[in-house]
Structures are given as structure tokens and as C-alpha cells.
Amino acid sequence: MKIGRLIALGLVSLGALELYKNRKTIKDSYQNTKNETDSAKLKLERIKNDLAIISQEKEKIRLISQELNHKFQVFNKDIQPRLEEINQRMAKYQEKDE
């Protein structure tokens, strides 16, 4: 039973020694991971803000689109009689040429 405990203690000590030897690499890796996580959080917040802005602008564009459609319909109704008059006059001149 003592030998098993000694072997376990030796393995734990060996693991601790390896961790100590590689502490700078582990610390740098941890710091890089932390920096990347913070950067990802900032990017996520920026994306959320951009999506909120896009959502607001989408509503504005929808309203502008409706307004333009209405103006286009009014324009078509307004120009229809004028186009008919132009076509009638052109028809008169085409009849004279024939």
C-alpha cells in the first residue's frame, strides 16, 4: 500500500515539475486565450449593435419604399391622360403621312 502511494506521489510530483517548467508557456497561452475571448466578446457586442441599427434602418427603408410606391402610382395616374393626348396627336400626324 505504501508503494502505491509513493508511486502516486512521484507521478503527481513529476506532473507538478512539468507544469512548473512550462509555466511561462501555459501563462502565455492562458493570456492569449483570455485576450481572444475578450476580443470575441467585443466583436459580439459590435455585431449586436450593428444588427440593431440594421433593424432600425430596415423599417425606415420599408416606409420610404411605401412612400415611393404611392408617389409612383400618383405619377402614373397623373401622366396617363397626357400620354393618351400625345398618342392621339401622334396618330393624327401618322395618318397625314400615309
N, C-alpha and C. Protein backbone atom coordinates (compact mmCIF):
# COMPACT_ATOMS: atom_id res chain seq x y z
N MET A 1 0.82 -1.18 0.00
CA MET A 1 0.00 0.00 0.00
C MET A 1 0.87 1.25 0.00
N LYS A 2 1.97 1.20 0.70
CA LYS A 2 2.86 2.36 0.75
C LYS A 2 3.50 2.61 -0.61
N ILE A 3 3.82 1.55 -1.33
CA ILE A 3 4.47 1.71 -2.63
C ILE A 3 3.51 2.39 -3.60
N GLY A 4 2.25 2.03 -3.57
CA GLY A 4 1.25 2.65 -4.45
C GLY A 4 1.14 4.14 -4.17
N ARG A 5 1.16 4.48 -2.89
CA ARG A 5 1.08 5.90 -2.53
C ARG A 5 2.34 6.64 -2.96
N LEU A 6 3.48 6.00 -2.81
CA LEU A 6 4.74 6.63 -3.23
C LEU A 6 4.77 6.83 -4.74
N ILE A 7 4.29 5.85 -5.47
CA ILE A 7 4.25 5.98 -6.93
C ILE A 7 3.31 7.11 -7.32
N ALA A 8 2.14 7.19 -6.68
CA ALA A 8 1.19 8.26 -6.96
C ALA A 8 1.80 9.61 -6.62
N LEU A 9 2.47 9.70 -5.48
CA LEU A 9 3.12 10.94 -5.07
C LEU A 9 4.21 11.32 -6.07
N GLY A 10 4.96 10.34 -6.52
CA GLY A 10 6.01 10.60 -7.51
C GLY A 10 5.43 11.11 -8.82
N LEU A 11 4.33 10.49 -9.27
CA LEU A 11 3.70 10.94 -10.51
C LEU A 11 3.12 12.35 -10.39
N VAL A 12 2.51 12.63 -9.25
CA VAL A 12 1.98 13.97 -9.01
C VAL A 12 3.12 14.98 -8.97
N SER A 13 4.22 14.61 -8.32
CA SER A 13 5.39 15.50 -8.26
C SER A 13 5.96 15.74 -9.65
N LEU A 14 6.03 14.68 -10.46
CA LEU A 14 6.53 14.81 -11.82
C LEU A 14 5.62 15.73 -12.65
N GLY A 15 4.32 15.58 -12.48
CA GLY A 15 3.37 16.45 -13.17
C GLY A 15 3.53 17.90 -12.74
N ALA A 16 3.72 18.12 -11.43
CA ALA A 16 3.90 19.47 -10.91
C ALA A 16 5.19 20.08 -11.46
N LEU A 17 6.24 19.27 -11.55
CA LEU A 17 7.51 19.74 -12.09
C LEU A 17 7.36 20.15 -13.56
N GLU A 18 6.64 19.35 -14.33
CA GLU A 18 6.42 19.68 -15.75
C GLU A 18 5.60 20.97 -15.88
N LEU A 19 4.61 21.11 -15.03
CA LEU A 19 3.83 22.35 -15.04
C LEU A 19 4.71 23.55 -14.70
N TYR A 20 5.59 23.37 -13.72
CA TYR A 20 6.49 24.45 -13.32
C TYR A 20 7.44 24.81 -14.47
N LYS A 21 7.96 23.80 -15.15
CA LYS A 21 8.88 24.05 -16.26
C LYS A 21 8.18 24.79 -17.41
N ASN A 22 6.93 24.44 -17.63
CA ASN A 22 6.18 25.03 -18.75
C ASN A 22 5.27 26.17 -18.30
N ARG A 23 5.53 26.74 -17.14
CA ARG A 23 4.64 27.76 -16.60
C ARG A 23 4.54 28.99 -17.50
N LYS A 24 5.65 29.41 -18.12
CA LYS A 24 5.61 30.58 -19.00
C LYS A 24 4.74 30.30 -20.23
N THR A 25 4.92 29.13 -20.82
CA THR A 25 4.12 28.76 -21.99
C THR A 25 2.64 28.67 -21.62
N ILE A 26 2.35 28.07 -20.48
CA ILE A 26 0.96 27.93 -20.03
C ILE A 26 0.37 29.31 -19.73
N LYS A 27 1.17 30.17 -19.07
CA LYS A 27 0.70 31.51 -18.74
C LYS A 27 0.43 32.32 -20.02
N ASP A 28 1.35 32.23 -20.99
CA ASP A 28 1.16 32.94 -22.26
C ASP A 28 -0.06 32.42 -23.00
N SER A 29 -0.22 31.12 -23.00
CA SER A 29 -1.38 30.51 -23.66
C SER A 29 -2.67 30.97 -23.00
N TYR A 30 -2.69 31.00 -21.69
CA TYR A 30 -3.87 31.46 -20.95
C TYR A 30 -4.17 32.92 -21.29
N GLN A 31 -3.11 33.75 -21.31
CA GLN A 31 -3.30 35.17 -21.59
C GLN A 31 -3.82 35.38 -23.02
N ASN A 32 -3.26 34.62 -23.97
CA ASN A 32 -3.74 34.72 -25.36
C ASN A 32 -5.20 34.31 -25.47
N THR A 33 -5.55 33.24 -24.79
CA THR A 33 -6.94 32.77 -24.81
C THR A 33 -7.86 33.81 -24.19
N LYS A 34 -7.42 34.41 -23.09
CA LYS A 34 -8.22 35.44 -22.43
C LYS A 34 -8.39 36.65 -23.34
N ASN A 35 -7.31 37.07 -24.00
CA ASN A 35 -7.39 38.21 -24.92
C ASN A 35 -8.32 37.91 -26.09
N GLU A 36 -8.23 36.71 -26.63
CA GLU A 36 -9.10 36.33 -27.75
C GLU A 36 -10.56 36.28 -27.31
N THR A 37 -10.80 35.81 -26.09
CA THR A 37 -12.17 35.76 -25.55
C THR A 37 -12.72 37.18 -25.39
N ASP A 38 -11.90 38.07 -24.84
CA ASP A 38 -12.33 39.46 -24.68
C ASP A 38 -12.61 40.11 -26.03
N SER A 39 -11.73 39.83 -26.98
CA SER A 39 -11.91 40.36 -28.33
C SER A 39 -13.20 39.83 -28.96
N ALA A 40 -13.46 38.55 -28.77
CA ALA A 40 -14.68 37.94 -29.31
C ALA A 40 -15.92 38.56 -28.66
N LYS A 41 -15.85 38.85 -27.36
CA LYS A 41 -16.99 39.48 -26.69
C LYS A 41 -17.25 40.88 -27.25
N LEU A 42 -16.16 41.64 -27.48
CA LEU A 42 -16.32 42.97 -28.06
C LEU A 42 -16.90 42.90 -29.46
N LYS A 43 -16.43 41.94 -30.24
CA LYS A 43 -16.96 41.78 -31.60
C LYS A 43 -18.43 41.39 -31.56
N LEU A 44 -18.80 40.53 -30.61
CA LEU A 44 -20.20 40.13 -30.47
C LEU A 44 -21.07 41.34 -30.14
N GLU A 45 -20.60 42.19 -29.23
CA GLU A 45 -21.36 43.40 -28.89
C GLU A 45 -21.49 44.32 -30.10
N ARG A 46 -20.40 44.46 -30.86
CA ARG A 46 -20.43 45.30 -32.05
C ARG A 46 -21.42 44.74 -33.08
N ILE A 47 -21.42 43.43 -33.23
CA ILE A 47 -22.35 42.79 -34.17
C ILE A 47 -23.79 43.01 -33.72
N LYS A 48 -24.04 42.88 -32.41
CA LYS A 48 -25.40 43.11 -31.89
C LYS A 48 -25.84 44.54 -32.16
N ASN A 49 -24.93 45.50 -31.93
CA ASN A 49 -25.26 46.90 -32.20
C ASN A 49 -25.54 47.12 -33.68
N ASP A 50 -24.71 46.53 -34.53
CA ASP A 50 -24.91 46.66 -35.98
C ASP A 50 -26.25 46.07 -36.40
N LEU A 51 -26.61 44.93 -35.83
CA LEU A 51 -27.90 44.31 -36.16
C LEU A 51 -29.07 45.19 -35.72
N ALA A 52 -28.92 45.84 -34.56
CA ALA A 52 -29.97 46.75 -34.10
C ALA A 52 -30.11 47.93 -35.05
N ILE A 53 -28.98 48.46 -35.50
CA ILE A 53 -29.01 49.58 -36.45
C ILE A 53 -29.64 49.14 -37.76
N ILE A 54 -29.26 47.96 -38.24
CA ILE A 54 -29.83 47.44 -39.48
C ILE A 54 -31.34 47.27 -39.35
N SER A 55 -31.77 46.79 -38.21
CA SER A 55 -33.20 46.60 -37.98
C SER A 55 -33.94 47.94 -38.04
N GLN A 56 -33.35 48.96 -37.42
CA GLN A 56 -33.97 50.29 -37.45
C GLN A 56 -34.00 50.84 -38.88
N GLU A 57 -32.90 50.69 -39.58
CA GLU A 57 -32.82 51.21 -40.95
C GLU A 57 -33.75 50.44 -41.88
N LYS A 58 -33.93 49.15 -41.60
CA LYS A 58 -34.84 48.33 -42.42
C LYS A 58 -36.25 48.89 -42.35
N GLU A 59 -36.68 49.31 -41.18
CA GLU A 59 -38.01 49.88 -41.02
C GLU A 59 -38.11 51.21 -41.77
N LYS A 60 -37.05 52.01 -41.70
CA LYS A 60 -37.05 53.28 -42.43
C LYS A 60 -37.13 53.03 -43.93
N ILE A 61 -36.38 52.06 -44.41
CA ILE A 61 -36.39 51.74 -45.84
C ILE A 61 -37.77 51.24 -46.26
N ARG A 62 -38.41 50.46 -45.42
CA ARG A 62 -39.76 49.98 -45.73
C ARG A 62 -40.72 51.16 -45.88
N LEU A 63 -40.63 52.12 -44.96
CA LEU A 63 -41.51 53.29 -45.03
C LEU A 63 -41.23 54.12 -46.28
N ILE A 64 -39.96 54.30 -46.60
CA ILE A 64 -39.59 55.05 -47.81
C ILE A 64 -40.09 54.32 -49.05
N SER A 65 -39.98 53.01 -49.05
CA SER A 65 -40.44 52.21 -50.18
C SER A 65 -41.95 52.38 -50.38
N GLN A 66 -42.69 52.35 -49.30
CA GLN A 66 -44.14 52.55 -49.40
C GLN A 66 -44.46 53.94 -49.95
N GLU A 67 -43.73 54.94 -49.47
CA GLU A 67 -43.96 56.31 -49.93
C GLU A 67 -43.64 56.43 -51.43
N LEU A 68 -42.53 55.83 -51.85
CA LEU A 68 -42.16 55.88 -53.26
C LEU A 68 -43.18 55.15 -54.13
N ASN A 69 -43.68 54.02 -53.66
CA ASN A 69 -44.71 53.30 -54.41
C ASN A 69 -45.96 54.16 -54.58
N HIS A 70 -46.34 54.83 -53.51
CA HIS A 70 -47.52 55.70 -53.57
C HIS A 70 -47.29 56.83 -54.57
N LYS A 71 -46.12 57.46 -54.49
CA LYS A 71 -45.81 58.57 -55.40
C LYS A 71 -45.77 58.08 -56.85
N PHE A 72 -45.26 56.89 -57.07
CA PHE A 72 -45.21 56.33 -58.42
C PHE A 72 -46.62 56.09 -58.95
N GLN A 73 -47.51 55.59 -58.10
CA GLN A 73 -48.90 55.37 -58.52
C GLN A 73 -49.58 56.70 -58.85
N VAL A 74 -49.35 57.71 -58.03
CA VAL A 74 -49.93 59.04 -58.28
C VAL A 74 -49.37 59.60 -59.59
N PHE A 75 -48.08 59.43 -59.80
CA PHE A 75 -47.45 59.90 -61.04
C PHE A 75 -48.06 59.21 -62.25
N ASN A 76 -48.24 57.89 -62.16
CA ASN A 76 -48.84 57.15 -63.28
C ASN A 76 -50.25 57.63 -63.57
N LYS A 77 -51.04 57.87 -62.54
CA LYS A 77 -52.41 58.36 -62.74
C LYS A 77 -52.38 59.76 -63.36
N ASP A 78 -51.42 60.57 -62.96
CA ASP A 78 -51.31 61.93 -63.46
C ASP A 78 -50.85 61.96 -64.91
N ILE A 79 -49.95 61.09 -65.28
CA ILE A 79 -49.36 61.12 -66.62
C ILE A 79 -50.21 60.38 -67.65
N GLN A 80 -51.09 59.50 -67.23
CA GLN A 80 -51.90 58.70 -68.15
C GLN A 80 -52.67 59.56 -69.16
N PRO A 81 -53.41 60.59 -68.73
CA PRO A 81 -54.14 61.42 -69.70
C PRO A 81 -53.19 62.14 -70.67
N ARG A 82 -52.06 62.56 -70.19
CA ARG A 82 -51.09 63.25 -71.04
C ARG A 82 -50.53 62.31 -72.11
N LEU A 83 -50.24 61.08 -71.69
CA LEU A 83 -49.75 60.10 -72.66
C LEU A 83 -50.80 59.80 -73.73
N GLU A 84 -52.05 59.72 -73.32
CA GLU A 84 -53.13 59.48 -74.28
C GLU A 84 -53.23 60.63 -75.28
N GLU A 85 -53.08 61.85 -74.78
CA GLU A 85 -53.14 63.02 -75.67
C GLU A 85 -51.96 63.00 -76.64
N ILE A 86 -50.79 62.67 -76.16
CA ILE A 86 -49.61 62.57 -77.03
C ILE A 86 -49.83 61.50 -78.09
N ASN A 87 -50.36 60.36 -77.70
CA ASN A 87 -50.61 59.28 -78.66
C ASN A 87 -51.64 59.69 -79.71
N GLN A 88 -52.67 60.42 -79.30
CA GLN A 88 -53.69 60.89 -80.25
C GLN A 88 -53.07 61.85 -81.27
N ARG A 89 -52.26 62.78 -80.79
CA ARG A 89 -51.62 63.73 -81.70
C ARG A 89 -50.66 63.02 -82.66
N MET A 90 -49.92 62.05 -82.13
CA MET A 90 -49.00 61.30 -82.99
C MET A 90 -49.78 60.50 -84.03
N ALA A 91 -50.93 59.97 -83.63
CA ALA A 91 -51.76 59.21 -84.57
C ALA A 91 -52.25 60.11 -85.70
N LYS A 92 -52.61 61.37 -85.39
CA LYS A 92 -53.06 62.31 -86.41
C LYS A 92 -51.95 62.56 -87.43
N TYR A 93 -50.74 62.77 -86.93
CA TYR A 93 -49.63 63.05 -87.85
C TYR A 93 -49.26 61.82 -88.66
N GLN A 94 -49.38 60.66 -88.08
CA GLN A 94 -49.06 59.44 -88.81
C GLN A 94 -50.09 59.19 -89.90
N GLU A 95 -51.35 59.55 -89.65
CA GLU A 95 -52.40 59.40 -90.66
C GLU A 95 -52.15 60.34 -91.83
N LYS A 96 -51.67 61.54 -91.56
CA LYS A 96 -51.40 62.51 -92.62
C LYS A 96 -50.24 62.05 -93.50
N ASP A 97 -49.24 61.41 -92.90
CA ASP A 97 -48.07 60.95 -93.65
C ASP A 97 -48.42 59.80 -94.57
N GLU A 98 -49.40 59.04 -94.26
CA GLU A 98 -49.74 57.86 -95.07
C GLU A 98 -50.50 58.26 -96.23
